[in-house]
């Protein structure tokens, strides 16, 4: 079984290049993290649902090429995956347009055979998900996911959660998002939020306020990412500000947080302390944002 299982949605991606043309790829926050974990040598599987179209098959092939275990990927006949388009401004900040309302990933925990996937999640040493993951599912799906996380935690699995709040995914229902997040955080071992997102969802005034709030849910290890301001690490009662090693001029900030999370978790799984793991996260994120799209080309050296 995979040591880490990441849960969520992977979509077809079209990102505008420097010449104004769009290049095709694949991405999704928890999938991006799974790719970078696999590249770091971590045994990782991905739990989602795909269709039986050309793009679904290409995504499965891409996952397998990256060394990701695909046994927790369900297939739904007659369906296709979601699609998103990335546009970036002159500062490298990105905007997204989505076509994903009928994506089969939204029904993962309601499909026939969902119990088999849940059993594999429960057996993993670490389970990774995000606020975007939570936004996918109906109340029935959420109930089954949360129960799966609880069973996994009871078996000793570490539950890792990146808040990654996107208001559109919740239809603007902040109250529901907060309620669902709270249930996930109660089961959480490691939280890897981005301050900007937490400020929108919870009204936090600073990364320290975010860390303090998350600690009230009983989360023992917290890393609050804050872009160029670095990351605030709270672990074993001590807090540390971990700065970025050097300023980076971004080309495209897509997957900056996803790649940080992957490098952080890979380092922690290899025994590195939290501060050292955050430094590894900064290093990988700094490389990723110098390239367009979510997934760094294997041939990229910088």
Foldseek 3Di string as FASTA:
>chain_A
DFQEEEEAAKAWEWEQDPVRHTDIDMDDLRVLLQLLLLVLVGRYEYAFEAEPDPVRVVVVVVCVVSVHDDPNYHYHYPDHAKYKYWYADPQQEIDIDIDGLPGRRLCLCPDVPSVVSLVVNLPHQEYEYELNRVLSYDPNSLVVVLVSLQSSVVVNHAYEYEHPDDCVSNVNCLVVSVVSVLSSLLSHQEYEYEPVRCCVNPVDPDLVSVVVVSVVSVHAWYWYQYPQQAIWTHHPRDIDGAGQPDDARFNHQAQLSSQLVSQLVSCVVVPHDNNVSNNSSSVRSSQQRNDDDNHDDPPDDD
